Amino acid sequence: MSESVRLAKRLATEQSCSRGDAERYIEGGWVAVDGKAVEEPGFRVAPNQTVSLLPGAKLEDIRPVTVLVHKPEGMYADNEVGSALDLIVPKNLMPGDRSGQRYLKRMFNGLKRVTPLERAASGLVVYTQEYAVSRKLLEEGKLVEQEYVAQVSGQLSEGDLARLQRGLAFEGRAATPMKVSWQNETHLRFALKTPLPGFIEYVCDTAGLQLQGLRRIRIGRLSMAGLAVGQWRYRLDYERF
């Protein structure tokens, strides 16, 4: 009985193409085994199994992606199973996503969270494979403004509000000015350069306010407008943080 072979080898033989091109077809989601798409070049196929290219198959470079996620409160935002990373599946893709990007397993290779957010908070979290985005949000993160809406209880005088706007030192980071304003009688809007986790809660405590909920709505120039809780979308080519 003949032994199974790697899918890439079988495809290269049947399509008379190089092994490298075969792997690109497979990782691009264009190859089916017995009618079911398979994206792993090392997948083993038996002689009696049918290997075919799907309609529209083409060789294309698979570009790294950046993904914006609306994390719900109570969920970790990291790179582990059980975190917001698990939300990045086809059923949670934002309706009307305009990227034209096809969902591929390869997009998870090296996909890392680059915008920490407290477990108790909700809002925008970014995962990326792109070096430029990672450098912008990690190495240059202190220069990137973020915007939060904090649900609070308690009273805040005009003097205390002015003091908050001048900034507060926190965990070794010097005080820097920030924009603080009332969105309504129970919600404060903060715009500040990448705060450390826990900073906004510290600010509220210092001002005699009780933080009841926190949501990040913008990172740099990108907001989570249109993203419902638990949904995600691809960053568009023209979008910059």
Protein backbone atom coordinates (compact mmCIF):
# COMPACT_ATOMS: atom_id res chain seq x y z
CA MET A 1 0.00 0.00 0.00
CA SER A 2 1.40 3.42 -0.93
CA GLU A 3 2.27 5.79 1.89
CA SER A 4 0.81 9.24 2.42
CA VAL A 5 2.81 12.28 1.29
CA ARG A 6 2.95 15.94 2.23
CA LEU A 7 0.23 17.99 0.58
CA ALA A 8 2.78 20.43 -0.87
CA LYS A 9 4.65 17.60 -2.59
CA ARG A 10 1.46 16.09 -4.01
CA LEU A 11 0.21 19.46 -5.28
CA ALA A 12 3.56 20.34 -6.86
CA THR A 13 3.51 17.04 -8.76
CA GLU A 14 -0.07 17.31 -9.95
CA GLN A 15 0.09 21.01 -10.89
CA SER A 16 3.63 20.85 -12.31
CA CYS A 17 4.73 23.74 -10.12
CA SER A 18 7.58 24.28 -7.69
CA ARG A 19 7.29 23.14 -4.08
CA GLY A 20 7.48 26.79 -3.02
CA ASP A 21 4.53 27.76 -5.23
CA ALA A 22 2.60 24.76 -3.94
CA GLU A 23 3.11 25.96 -0.38
CA ARG A 24 1.95 29.46 -1.32
CA TYR A 25 -1.25 28.05 -2.85
CA ILE A 26 -1.88 25.99 0.28
CA GLU A 27 -1.12 28.73 2.82
CA GLY A 28 -3.22 31.10 0.73
CA GLY A 29 -6.28 28.91 1.32
CA TRP A 30 -6.60 27.83 -2.31
CA VAL A 31 -6.20 24.05 -1.94
CA ALA A 32 -8.79 21.44 -1.02
CA VAL A 33 -8.42 17.81 0.00
CA ASP A 34 -11.56 15.81 -0.76
CA GLY A 35 -13.37 19.13 -1.16
CA LYS A 36 -12.30 20.64 2.16
CA ALA A 37 -9.82 23.54 2.29
CA VAL A 38 -6.51 22.72 3.95
CA GLU A 39 -3.95 25.41 4.75
CA GLU A 40 -1.06 23.29 6.10
CA PRO A 41 1.64 22.36 3.52
CA GLY A 42 2.69 19.46 5.75
CA PHE A 43 -0.78 17.90 5.83
CA ARG A 44 -0.52 14.21 4.90
CA VAL A 45 -2.64 12.97 2.02
CA ALA A 46 -3.25 9.38 0.99
CA PRO A 47 -3.14 8.22 -2.65
CA ASN A 48 -6.91 7.76 -2.76
CA GLN A 49 -7.62 11.34 -1.64
CA THR A 50 -8.43 14.06 -4.16
CA VAL A 51 -6.33 17.22 -4.15
CA SER A 52 -7.59 20.23 -6.10
CA LEU A 53 -7.15 23.97 -6.52
CA LEU A 54 -10.20 26.00 -5.59
CA PRO A 55 -11.84 28.34 -8.13
CA GLY A 56 -10.00 31.65 -8.39
CA ALA A 57 -6.76 30.17 -7.07
CA LYS A 58 -3.80 32.48 -7.55
CA LEU A 59 -0.30 32.93 -6.27
CA GLU A 60 -0.15 35.97 -4.04
CA ASP A 61 2.06 37.25 -1.28
CA ILE A 62 0.41 36.93 2.10
CA ARG A 63 0.90 40.27 3.78
CA PRO A 64 1.13 40.67 7.55
CA VAL A 65 -2.05 41.94 9.17
CA THR A 66 -3.11 44.19 12.02
CA VAL A 67 -6.40 43.47 13.76
CA LEU A 68 -8.58 45.77 15.87
CA VAL A 69 -10.67 44.03 18.53
CA HIS A 70 -13.43 45.33 20.83
CA LYS A 71 -12.57 43.47 24.03
CA PRO A 72 -15.37 42.96 26.53
CA GLU A 73 -14.76 43.68 30.19
CA GLY A 74 -13.63 40.70 32.26
CA MET A 75 -11.49 39.22 29.46
CA TYR A 76 -7.71 39.33 29.39
CA ALA A 77 -5.98 41.12 26.52
CA ASP A 78 -2.87 39.02 25.86
CA ASN A 79 -1.55 36.32 23.54
CA GLU A 80 -2.88 33.29 25.39
CA VAL A 81 -5.84 30.98 24.85
CA GLY A 82 -8.87 32.38 26.65
CA SER A 83 -7.97 36.00 25.93
CA ALA A 84 -9.25 38.51 23.39
CA LEU A 85 -7.15 36.64 20.83
CA ASP A 86 -9.86 33.97 20.79
CA LEU A 87 -12.35 36.50 19.44
CA ILE A 88 -10.51 36.73 16.11
CA VAL A 89 -12.56 34.12 14.27
CA PRO A 90 -14.69 34.51 11.12
CA LYS A 91 -18.05 34.66 12.90
CA ASN A 92 -16.92 37.73 14.88
CA LEU A 93 -15.67 39.73 11.90
CA MET A 94 -17.36 43.13 11.81
CA PRO A 95 -20.15 43.19 9.19
CA GLY A 96 -19.12 45.41 6.32
CA ASP A 97 -15.37 44.99 6.85
CA ARG A 98 -13.83 46.70 3.80
CA SER A 99 -10.32 45.23 3.86
CA GLY A 100 -10.93 42.53 1.25
CA GLN A 101 -8.62 40.36 3.35
CA ARG A 102 -9.34 36.62 3.28
CA TYR A 103 -9.32 34.89 6.67
CA LEU A 104 -6.34 32.53 6.79
CA LYS A 105 -4.80 30.46 9.57
CA ARG A 106 -1.42 31.93 8.69
CA MET A 107 -2.56 35.30 10.02
CA PHE A 108 -2.10 33.92 13.53
CA ASN A 109 1.61 33.26 13.02
CA GLY A 110 3.33 35.85 15.19
CA LEU A 111 0.09 37.80 15.82
CA LYS A 112 0.80 39.68 19.07
CA ARG A 113 -1.11 42.09 21.27
CA VAL A 114 0.62 45.48 21.35
CA THR A 115 -1.85 47.55 23.39
CA PRO A 116 -2.26 46.36 27.01
CA LEU A 117 -5.68 46.89 28.58
CA GLU A 118 -6.85 45.99 32.05
CA ARG A 119 -9.00 42.88 32.36
CA ALA A 120 -11.78 44.91 34.02
CA ALA A 121 -11.83 47.43 31.15
CA SER A 122 -13.46 47.07 27.75
CA GLY A 123 -12.60 48.62 24.43
CA LEU A 124 -10.08 48.74 21.65
CA VAL A 125 -7.18 46.27 21.60
CA VAL A 126 -4.70 45.85 18.74
CA TYR A 127 -3.04 42.63 17.59
CA THR A 128 -0.44 42.77 14.83
CA GLN A 129 2.10 40.92 12.71
CA GLU A 130 3.44 44.18 11.30
CA TYR A 131 6.80 45.41 12.56
CA ALA A 132 6.01 49.06 11.85
CA VAL A 133 2.78 48.90 13.86
CA SER A 134 4.48 47.06 16.71
CA ARG A 135 7.26 49.64 16.84
CA LYS A 136 4.77 52.52 16.76
CA LEU A 137 2.63 51.19 19.60
CA LEU A 138 5.35 49.66 21.77
CA GLU A 139 8.66 51.45 21.25
CA GLU A 140 7.00 54.81 20.53
CA GLY A 141 3.88 54.16 22.61
CA LYS A 142 4.48 57.05 25.00
CA LEU A 143 3.90 59.42 22.08
CA VAL A 144 0.58 57.88 21.00
CA GLU A 145 -2.57 59.46 22.41
CA GLN A 146 -5.34 57.19 23.62
CA GLU A 147 -8.89 58.07 24.53
CA TYR A 148 -10.97 56.52 27.31
CA VAL A 149 -14.44 56.96 28.73
CA ALA A 150 -14.67 56.31 32.47
CA GLN A 151 -17.95 55.75 34.26
CA VAL A 152 -17.60 57.30 37.69
CA SER A 153 -19.56 58.23 40.78
CA GLY A 154 -18.79 61.11 43.12
CA GLN A 155 -18.27 64.84 42.83
CA LEU A 156 -15.44 66.66 41.06
CA SER A 157 -14.86 70.38 41.57
CA GLU A 158 -13.60 72.67 38.83
CA GLY A 159 -10.34 72.98 40.76
CA ASP A 160 -9.90 69.20 40.92
CA LEU A 161 -10.69 68.91 37.21
CA ALA A 162 -8.01 71.50 36.42
CA ARG A 163 -5.56 69.58 38.62
CA LEU A 164 -6.26 66.35 36.75
CA GLN A 165 -5.71 68.11 33.43
CA ARG A 166 -2.21 69.06 34.57
CA GLY A 167 -1.48 65.38 35.05
CA LEU A 168 -0.34 63.14 37.90
CA ALA A 169 2.89 61.23 38.44
CA PHE A 170 2.39 57.45 38.52
CA GLU A 171 4.77 54.53 39.11
CA GLY A 172 7.87 56.49 38.22
CA ARG A 173 6.38 58.20 35.19
CA ALA A 174 6.38 61.98 35.44
CA ALA A 175 3.14 63.92 35.33
CA THR A 176 2.14 64.99 31.84
CA PRO A 177 -0.87 67.12 30.84
CA MET A 178 -3.98 65.27 29.70
CA LYS A 179 -7.39 66.25 28.43
CA VAL A 180 -10.15 65.49 30.92
CA SER A 181 -13.75 66.54 30.40
CA TRP A 182 -17.25 65.51 31.36
CA GLN A 183 -19.07 63.57 28.64
CA ASN A 184 -22.18 63.62 30.82
CA GLU A 185 -22.87 63.69 34.54
CA THR A 186 -21.54 60.15 35.12
CA HIS A 187 -18.87 59.74 32.43
CA LEU A 188 -15.46 61.38 32.17
CA ARG A 189 -13.52 61.44 28.90
CA PHE A 190 -9.73 61.12 29.10
CA ALA A 191 -7.30 61.78 26.23
CA LEU A 192 -3.68 61.11 27.15
CA LYS A 193 -0.46 59.55 25.92
CA THR A 194 -0.50 55.75 26.43
CA PRO A 195 -1.24 55.41 30.15
CA LEU A 196 0.12 52.60 32.28
CA PRO A 197 -2.46 49.99 33.35
CA GLY A 198 -4.19 51.20 36.48
CA PHE A 199 -3.42 54.87 35.91
CA ILE A 200 -6.96 56.08 35.25
CA GLU A 201 -8.27 54.24 38.30
CA TYR A 202 -5.50 55.91 40.33
CA VAL A 203 -6.48 59.32 38.93
CA CYS A 204 -10.12 58.77 39.88
CA ASP A 205 -9.21 57.60 43.38
CA THR A 206 -6.96 60.62 43.86
CA ALA A 207 -9.83 62.92 42.89
CA GLY A 208 -12.28 61.19 45.22
CA LEU A 209 -14.19 59.49 42.43
CA GLN A 210 -15.17 55.83 42.24
CA LEU A 211 -14.36 54.19 38.91
CA GLN A 212 -17.25 51.92 37.93
CA GLY A 213 -16.33 51.15 34.35
CA LEU A 214 -13.63 51.96 31.80
CA ARG A 215 -13.68 51.77 28.02
CA ARG A 216 -10.90 52.62 25.55
CA ILE A 217 -12.40 54.12 22.41
CA ARG A 218 -9.37 55.33 20.44
CA ILE A 219 -5.67 54.57 19.93
CA GLY A 220 -3.83 57.24 18.00
CA ARG A 221 -5.99 58.11 15.00
CA LEU A 222 -7.97 54.85 14.99
CA SER A 223 -11.23 54.55 16.90
CA MET A 224 -13.39 51.50 17.40
CA ALA A 225 -16.38 53.13 15.74
CA GLY A 226 -18.63 50.44 14.29
CA LEU A 227 -17.08 47.62 16.32
CA ALA A 228 -19.60 45.98 18.62
CA VAL A 229 -18.41 44.22 21.77
CA GLY A 230 -16.63 41.00 20.79
CA GLN A 231 -16.17 41.99 17.13
CA TRP A 232 -12.95 42.63 15.22
CA ARG A 233 -11.79 44.01 11.89
CA TYR A 234 -8.62 44.35 9.82
CA ARG A 235 -6.72 47.62 9.77
CA LEU A 236 -7.13 49.14 6.32
CA ASP A 237 -4.06 49.97 4.24
CA TYR A 238 -4.51 53.72 4.49
CA GLU A 239 -5.16 53.76 8.26
CA ARG A 240 -2.37 54.97 10.52
CA PHE A 241 -2.07 55.11 14.26
